[in-house]
Amino acid sequence: MKISEAKFAGSSTRVSMKPKRLLPEFAFIGRSNVGKSSLINMLCNNNKLAMTSSTPGKTKVVNHFLINDSWYLVDLPGYGYAKMNQKGREELSTVINDYILGSSELMMLFVLIDSRHDIGKIDRDFLARLGENGIPFAIIMTKCDKQGPNVLAAQLEKDKAILLEQWEELPPILCSSSKSGSGKNEILEYIESILNTQ
């Protein structure tokens, strides 16, 4: 699949407020500094589509982008942002949960995880909640260009072992780099394979 057109379709804080035109949705979420906006921009060939910032936690709403006039790429707020006060974290959690649990058009939730570190408890707890609620998800490891191939491979095997302590079966795991563009084709082909089964 090639993304030939990507345009902003609206922001919302509740499922009832999302774009009225119902199409398959593929959502992206991760901790606040995982490189989500950069990945979205890389996938869409548009460096200004999703808002990137050196300050994490900027996305506070659910942003829909209409892709090729046939499906939505959904940019969700990040989770686990430590510098936000309790009330702010609760409000963001409400926005995230309302979308994830309430959008019937959600085909796949891509959970972004930094490939340079062990999968943390916040990520594991989030994945567990997805499993408990039957939400289909895949993992995208970000920043895979930041270390050598041997170190990366060892880290991925370690992360898989951590996940297998909680899961009988691993979800799809894709590697990406917004800087080099690696993983772009694999992610888009995975989305296309899901669209083709609809």
C-alpha atoms as a PDB file:
ATOM      1  CA  MET A   1       0.000   0.000   0.000  1.00  0.00           C
ATOM      2  CA  LYS A   2       1.088   3.549  -0.720  1.00  0.00           C
ATOM      3  CA  ILE A   3      -0.447   6.547   1.031  1.00  0.00           C
ATOM      4  CA  SER A   4      -1.186   9.057  -1.708  1.00  0.00           C
ATOM      5  CA  GLU A   5      -3.454  11.327   0.336  1.00  0.00           C
ATOM      6  CA  ALA A   6      -3.642  12.057   4.050  1.00  0.00           C
ATOM      7  CA  LYS A   7      -5.762  14.876   5.398  1.00  0.00           C
ATOM      8  CA  PHE A   8      -6.913  15.943   8.837  1.00  0.00           C
ATOM      9  CA  ALA A   9     -10.533  14.909   9.412  1.00  0.00           C
ATOM     10  CA  GLY A  10     -11.201  16.143  12.939  1.00  0.00           C
ATOM     11  CA  SER A  11     -10.365  16.073  16.650  1.00  0.00           C
ATOM     12  CA  SER A  12     -12.558  14.664  19.397  1.00  0.00           C
ATOM     13  CA  THR A  13     -12.567  13.766  23.062  1.00  0.00           C
ATOM     14  CA  ARG A  14     -15.493  11.324  22.799  1.00  0.00           C
ATOM     15  CA  VAL A  15     -16.443   8.661  20.260  1.00  0.00           C
ATOM     16  CA  SER A  16     -19.752  10.456  19.709  1.00  0.00           C
ATOM     17  CA  MET A  17     -17.772  13.454  18.396  1.00  0.00           C
ATOM     18  CA  LYS A  18     -15.583  11.639  15.861  1.00  0.00           C
ATOM     19  CA  PRO A  19     -16.072  12.107  12.076  1.00  0.00           C
ATOM     20  CA  LYS A  20     -19.561  11.093  10.971  1.00  0.00           C
ATOM     21  CA  ARG A  21     -18.301   9.240   7.927  1.00  0.00           C
ATOM     22  CA  LEU A  22     -17.631   5.762   9.256  1.00  0.00           C
ATOM     23  CA  LEU A  23     -14.584   3.975   7.845  1.00  0.00           C
ATOM     24  CA  PRO A  24     -12.080   1.398   9.157  1.00  0.00           C
ATOM     25  CA  GLU A  25      -9.787   2.904  11.796  1.00  0.00           C
ATOM     26  CA  PHE A  26      -6.171   2.071  12.618  1.00  0.00           C
ATOM     27  CA  ALA A  27      -5.072   3.821  15.793  1.00  0.00           C
ATOM     28  CA  PHE A  28      -1.607   4.578  17.176  1.00  0.00           C
ATOM     29  CA  ILE A  29      -0.782   4.972  20.853  1.00  0.00           C
ATOM     30  CA  GLY A  30       2.260   4.808  23.104  1.00  0.00           C
ATOM     31  CA  ARG A  31       4.034   6.477  25.959  1.00  0.00           C
ATOM     32  CA  SER A  32       4.426  10.201  25.536  1.00  0.00           C
ATOM     33  CA  ASN A  33       8.027  10.226  24.273  1.00  0.00           C
ATOM     34  CA  VAL A  34       7.967   7.139  22.058  1.00  0.00           C
ATOM     35  CA  GLY A  35       8.048   8.966  18.714  1.00  0.00           C
ATOM     36  CA  LYS A  36       4.406   8.467  17.711  1.00  0.00           C
ATOM     37  CA  SER A  37       3.919  11.701  15.761  1.00  0.00           C
ATOM     38  CA  SER A  38       7.178  11.200  13.861  1.00  0.00           C
ATOM     39  CA  LEU A  39       6.118   7.672  12.916  1.00  0.00           C
ATOM     40  CA  ILE A  40       2.703   8.846  11.692  1.00  0.00           C
ATOM     41  CA  ASN A  41       4.325  11.587   9.618  1.00  0.00           C
ATOM     42  CA  MET A  42       6.782   9.078   8.154  1.00  0.00           C
ATOM     43  CA  LEU A  43       3.992   6.661   7.181  1.00  0.00           C
ATOM     44  CA  CYS A  44       2.044   9.473   5.506  1.00  0.00           C
ATOM     45  CA  ASN A  45       5.011  11.191   3.798  1.00  0.00           C
ATOM     46  CA  ASN A  46       4.090  14.440   5.522  1.00  0.00           C
ATOM     47  CA  ASN A  47       6.318  15.930   8.209  1.00  0.00           C
ATOM     48  CA  LYS A  48       3.622  18.377   9.282  1.00  0.00           C
ATOM     49  CA  LEU A  49       0.619  16.044   9.553  1.00  0.00           C
ATOM     50  CA  ALA A  50       0.852  15.017  13.217  1.00  0.00           C
ATOM     51  CA  MET A  51       2.193  17.528  15.725  1.00  0.00           C
ATOM     52  CA  THR A  52       5.710  16.692  16.870  1.00  0.00           C
ATOM     53  CA  SER A  53       7.277  18.388  19.854  1.00  0.00           C
ATOM     54  CA  SER A  54      10.327  18.154  22.065  1.00  0.00           C
ATOM     55  CA  THR A  55       7.862  18.354  24.961  1.00  0.00           C
ATOM     56  CA  PRO A  56       5.999  15.044  25.414  1.00  0.00           C
ATOM     57  CA  GLY A  57       2.285  14.881  26.132  1.00  0.00           C
ATOM     58  CA  LYS A  58       1.144  17.452  23.563  1.00  0.00           C
ATOM     59  CA  THR A  59      -1.639  15.320  22.072  1.00  0.00           C
ATOM     60  CA  LYS A  60      -4.683  15.596  24.332  1.00  0.00           C
ATOM     61  CA  VAL A  61      -7.423  14.715  21.862  1.00  0.00           C
ATOM     62  CA  VAL A  62      -8.173  11.921  19.394  1.00  0.00           C
ATOM     63  CA  ASN A  63      -7.111  13.052  15.908  1.00  0.00           C
ATOM     64  CA  HIS A  64      -8.539  11.392  12.802  1.00  0.00           C
ATOM     65  CA  PHE A  65      -6.655  11.557   9.497  1.00  0.00           C
ATOM     66  CA  LEU A  66      -8.437  10.390   6.348  1.00  0.00           C
ATOM     67  CA  ILE A  67      -6.106   8.172   4.316  1.00  0.00           C
ATOM     68  CA  ASN A  68      -6.623   7.612   0.572  1.00  0.00           C
ATOM     69  CA  ASP A  69     -10.292   8.518   1.127  1.00  0.00           C
ATOM     70  CA  SER A  70     -10.849   4.965   2.403  1.00  0.00           C
ATOM     71  CA  TRP A  71      -9.680   4.586   6.035  1.00  0.00           C
ATOM     72  CA  TYR A  72      -8.685   6.603   9.081  1.00  0.00           C
ATOM     73  CA  LEU A  73      -5.331   6.762  10.785  1.00  0.00           C
ATOM     74  CA  VAL A  74      -6.117   7.729  14.381  1.00  0.00           C
ATOM     75  CA  ASP A  75      -3.580   9.538  16.565  1.00  0.00           C
ATOM     76  CA  LEU A  76      -4.337   8.916  20.252  1.00  0.00           C
ATOM     77  CA  PRO A  77      -2.941  10.776  23.285  1.00  0.00           C
ATOM     78  CA  GLY A  78       0.078   9.202  24.931  1.00  0.00           C
ATOM     79  CA  TYR A  79      -0.219   7.347  28.223  1.00  0.00           C
ATOM     80  CA  GLY A  80       2.017   7.301  31.279  1.00  0.00           C
ATOM     81  CA  TYR A  81       3.081  10.947  31.144  1.00  0.00           C
ATOM     82  CA  ALA A  82       4.600  11.461  34.580  1.00  0.00           C
ATOM     83  CA  LYS A  83       4.765  15.279  34.596  1.00  0.00           C
ATOM     84  CA  MET A  84       1.020  15.713  34.202  1.00  0.00           C
ATOM     85  CA  ASN A  85      -1.029  16.159  37.374  1.00  0.00           C
ATOM     86  CA  GLN A  86      -3.449  13.470  38.538  1.00  0.00           C
ATOM     87  CA  LYS A  87      -6.540  15.251  37.195  1.00  0.00           C
ATOM     88  CA  GLY A  88      -4.913  15.670  33.788  1.00  0.00           C
ATOM     89  CA  ARG A  89      -3.893  12.004  33.666  1.00  0.00           C
ATOM     90  CA  GLU A  90      -7.419  10.925  34.568  1.00  0.00           C
ATOM     91  CA  GLU A  91      -8.924  13.132  31.868  1.00  0.00           C
ATOM     92  CA  LEU A  92      -6.554  11.747  29.238  1.00  0.00           C
ATOM     93  CA  SER A  93      -7.260   8.198  30.399  1.00  0.00           C
ATOM     94  CA  THR A  94     -10.993   8.852  29.960  1.00  0.00           C
ATOM     95  CA  VAL A  95     -10.430  10.128  26.400  1.00  0.00           C
ATOM     96  CA  ILE A  96      -8.275   7.100  25.512  1.00  0.00           C
ATOM     97  CA  ASN A  97     -10.594   4.510  27.067  1.00  0.00           C
ATOM     98  CA  ASP A  98     -13.709   6.046  25.541  1.00  0.00           C
ATOM     99  CA  TYR A  99     -12.205   5.693  22.083  1.00  0.00           C
ATOM    100  CA  ILE A 100     -10.568   2.274  22.462  1.00  0.00           C
ATOM    101  CA  LEU A 101     -13.598   0.658  24.109  1.00  0.00           C
ATOM    102  CA  GLY A 102     -16.248   2.590  22.215  1.00  0.00           C
ATOM    103  CA  SER A 103     -15.221   2.835  18.569  1.00  0.00           C
ATOM    104  CA  SER A 104     -16.814   0.021  16.565  1.00  0.00           C
ATOM    105  CA  GLU A 105     -14.682   0.981  13.542  1.00  0.00           C
ATOM    106  CA  LEU A 106     -11.344   0.302  15.297  1.00  0.00           C
ATOM    107  CA  MET A 107      -9.685  -2.482  13.310  1.00  0.00           C
ATOM    108  CA  MET A 108      -6.263  -2.474  14.968  1.00  0.00           C
ATOM    109  CA  LEU A 109      -4.518  -0.581  17.742  1.00  0.00           C
ATOM    110  CA  PHE A 110      -0.787  -0.147  17.208  1.00  0.00           C
ATOM    111  CA  VAL A 111       1.018   0.169  20.541  1.00  0.00           C
ATOM    112  CA  LEU A 112       4.372   1.903  20.128  1.00  0.00           C
ATOM    113  CA  ILE A 113       7.265   0.891  22.377  1.00  0.00           C
ATOM    114  CA  ASP A 114      10.819   2.272  22.436  1.00  0.00           C
ATOM    115  CA  SER A 115      13.131  -0.477  21.182  1.00  0.00           C
ATOM    116  CA  ARG A 116      16.062   0.788  23.259  1.00  0.00           C
ATOM    117  CA  HIS A 117      14.588  -0.213  26.611  1.00  0.00           C
ATOM    118  CA  ASP A 118      12.904  -3.158  28.293  1.00  0.00           C
ATOM    119  CA  ILE A 119       9.122  -3.084  28.026  1.00  0.00           C
ATOM    120  CA  GLY A 120       8.089  -1.267  31.206  1.00  0.00           C
ATOM    121  CA  LYS A 121       5.322  -2.009  33.672  1.00  0.00           C
ATOM    122  CA  ILE A 122       3.151   0.834  32.319  1.00  0.00           C
ATOM    123  CA  ASP A 123       3.290  -0.723  28.846  1.00  0.00           C
ATOM    124  CA  ARG A 124       2.672  -4.249  30.139  1.00  0.00           C
ATOM    125  CA  ASP A 125      -0.305  -3.099  32.196  1.00  0.00           C
ATOM    126  CA  PHE A 126      -1.749  -1.263  29.192  1.00  0.00           C
ATOM    127  CA  LEU A 127      -1.366  -4.336  26.969  1.00  0.00           C
ATOM    128  CA  ALA A 128      -2.989  -6.486  29.649  1.00  0.00           C
ATOM    129  CA  ARG A 129      -6.043  -4.211  29.692  1.00  0.00           C
ATOM    130  CA  LEU A 130      -6.305  -4.498  25.915  1.00  0.00           C
ATOM    131  CA  GLY A 131      -6.271  -8.266  26.238  1.00  0.00           C
ATOM    132  CA  GLU A 132      -8.888  -8.234  28.967  1.00  0.00           C
ATOM    133  CA  ASN A 133     -11.195  -6.159  26.766  1.00  0.00           C
ATOM    134  CA  GLY A 134     -10.570  -8.091  23.554  1.00  0.00           C
ATOM    135  CA  ILE A 135      -9.027  -5.133  21.705  1.00  0.00           C
ATOM    136  CA  PRO A 136      -6.981  -6.262  18.660  1.00  0.00           C
ATOM    137  CA  PHE A 137      -3.471  -4.853  18.855  1.00  0.00           C
ATOM    138  CA  ALA A 138       0.009  -5.091  17.394  1.00  0.00           C
ATOM    139  CA  ILE A 139       3.274  -3.708  18.727  1.00  0.00           C
ATOM    140  CA  ILE A 140       5.520  -1.331  16.798  1.00  0.00           C
ATOM    141  CA  MET A 141       9.026  -1.005  18.183  1.00  0.00           C
ATOM    142  CA  THR A 142      10.241   2.543  17.474  1.00  0.00           C
ATOM    143  CA  LYS A 143      13.715   4.071  17.079  1.00  0.00           C
ATOM    144  CA  CYS A 144      15.158   0.807  15.755  1.00  0.00           C
ATOM    145  CA  ASP A 145      17.962   2.741  14.058  1.00  0.00           C
ATOM    146  CA  LYS A 146      19.406   3.938  17.374  1.00  0.00           C
ATOM    147  CA  GLN A 147      21.459   0.823  18.088  1.00  0.00           C
ATOM    148  CA  GLY A 148      23.323  -1.841  16.123  1.00  0.00           C
ATOM    149  CA  PRO A 149      21.508  -4.860  14.678  1.00  0.00           C
ATOM    150  CA  ASN A 150      22.932  -7.305  17.237  1.00  0.00           C
ATOM    151  CA  VAL A 151      22.003  -5.115  20.209  1.00  0.00           C
ATOM    152  CA  LEU A 152      18.545  -4.543  18.709  1.00  0.00           C
ATOM    153  CA  ALA A 153      17.992  -8.270  18.121  1.00  0.00           C
ATOM    154  CA  ALA A 154      19.026  -9.068  21.694  1.00  0.00           C
ATOM    155  CA  GLN A 155      16.679  -6.383  23.069  1.00  0.00           C
ATOM    156  CA  LEU A 156      13.779  -7.686  20.984  1.00  0.00           C
ATOM    157  CA  GLU A 157      14.323 -11.218  22.260  1.00  0.00           C
ATOM    158  CA  LYS A 158      14.412  -9.905  25.825  1.00  0.00           C
ATOM    159  CA  ASP A 159      11.159  -7.984  25.278  1.00  0.00           C
ATOM    160  CA  LYS A 160       9.493 -11.062  23.799  1.00  0.00           C
ATOM    161  CA  ALA A 161      10.532 -13.079  26.846  1.00  0.00           C
ATOM    162  CA  ILE A 162       9.063 -10.398  29.127  1.00  0.00           C
ATOM    163  CA  LEU A 163       5.786 -10.489  27.196  1.00  0.00           C
ATOM    164  CA  LEU A 164       5.619 -14.285  27.275  1.00  0.00           C
ATOM    165  CA  GLU A 165       5.531 -14.121  31.069  1.00  0.00           C
ATOM    166  CA  GLN A 166       2.006 -12.670  30.659  1.00  0.00           C
ATOM    167  CA  TRP A 167       0.897 -13.885  27.250  1.00  0.00           C
ATOM    168  CA  GLU A 168       0.555 -17.390  25.835  1.00  0.00           C
ATOM    169  CA  GLU A 169       0.976 -16.024  22.335  1.00  0.00           C
ATOM    170  CA  LEU A 170       2.830 -12.941  21.142  1.00  0.00           C
ATOM    171  CA  PRO A 171       1.006 -10.226  19.183  1.00  0.00           C
ATOM    172  CA  PRO A 172       2.465  -9.113  15.828  1.00  0.00           C
ATOM    173  CA  ILE A 173       5.668  -7.127  16.486  1.00  0.00           C
ATOM    174  CA  LEU A 174       6.994  -4.718  13.863  1.00  0.00           C
ATOM    175  CA  CYS A 175      10.235  -2.701  13.902  1.00  0.00           C
ATOM    176  CA  SER A 176      10.397   0.883  12.695  1.00  0.00           C
ATOM    177  CA  SER A 177      12.544   3.972  12.402  1.00  0.00           C
ATOM    178  CA  SER A 178      11.033   7.358  11.569  1.00  0.00           C
ATOM    179  CA  LYS A 179      14.497   8.612  10.679  1.00  0.00           C
ATOM    180  CA  SER A 180      15.487   5.892   8.195  1.00  0.00           C
ATOM    181  CA  GLY A 181      11.958   4.958   7.099  1.00  0.00           C
ATOM    182  CA  SER A 182      12.471   1.302   7.952  1.00  0.00           C
ATOM    183  CA  GLY A 183       9.317  -0.598   8.819  1.00  0.00           C
ATOM    184  CA  LYS A 184       7.113   1.698   6.746  1.00  0.00           C
ATOM    185  CA  ASN A 185       6.285  -0.874   4.066  1.00  0.00           C
ATOM    186  CA  GLU A 186       5.704  -3.637   6.633  1.00  0.00           C
ATOM    187  CA  ILE A 187       3.279  -1.507   8.671  1.00  0.00           C
ATOM    188  CA  LEU A 188       1.321  -0.355   5.604  1.00  0.00           C
ATOM    189  CA  GLU A 189       1.213  -3.892   4.175  1.00  0.00           C
ATOM    190  CA  TYR A 190      -0.103  -5.150   7.513  1.00  0.00           C
ATOM    191  CA  ILE A 191      -2.856  -2.513   7.454  1.00  0.00           C
ATOM    192  CA  GLU A 192      -3.661  -3.424   3.854  1.00  0.00           C
ATOM    193  CA  SER A 193      -3.931  -7.120   4.738  1.00  0.00           C
ATOM    194  CA  ILE A 194      -6.532  -6.281   7.394  1.00  0.00           C
ATOM    195  CA  LEU A 195      -8.458  -4.008   5.021  1.00  0.00           C
ATOM    196  CA  ASN A 196      -8.519  -6.801   2.427  1.00  0.00           C
ATOM    197  CA  THR A 197     -10.277  -9.133   4.868  1.00  0.00           C
ATOM    198  CA  GLN A 198     -13.132  -6.678   5.532  1.00  0.00           C
END
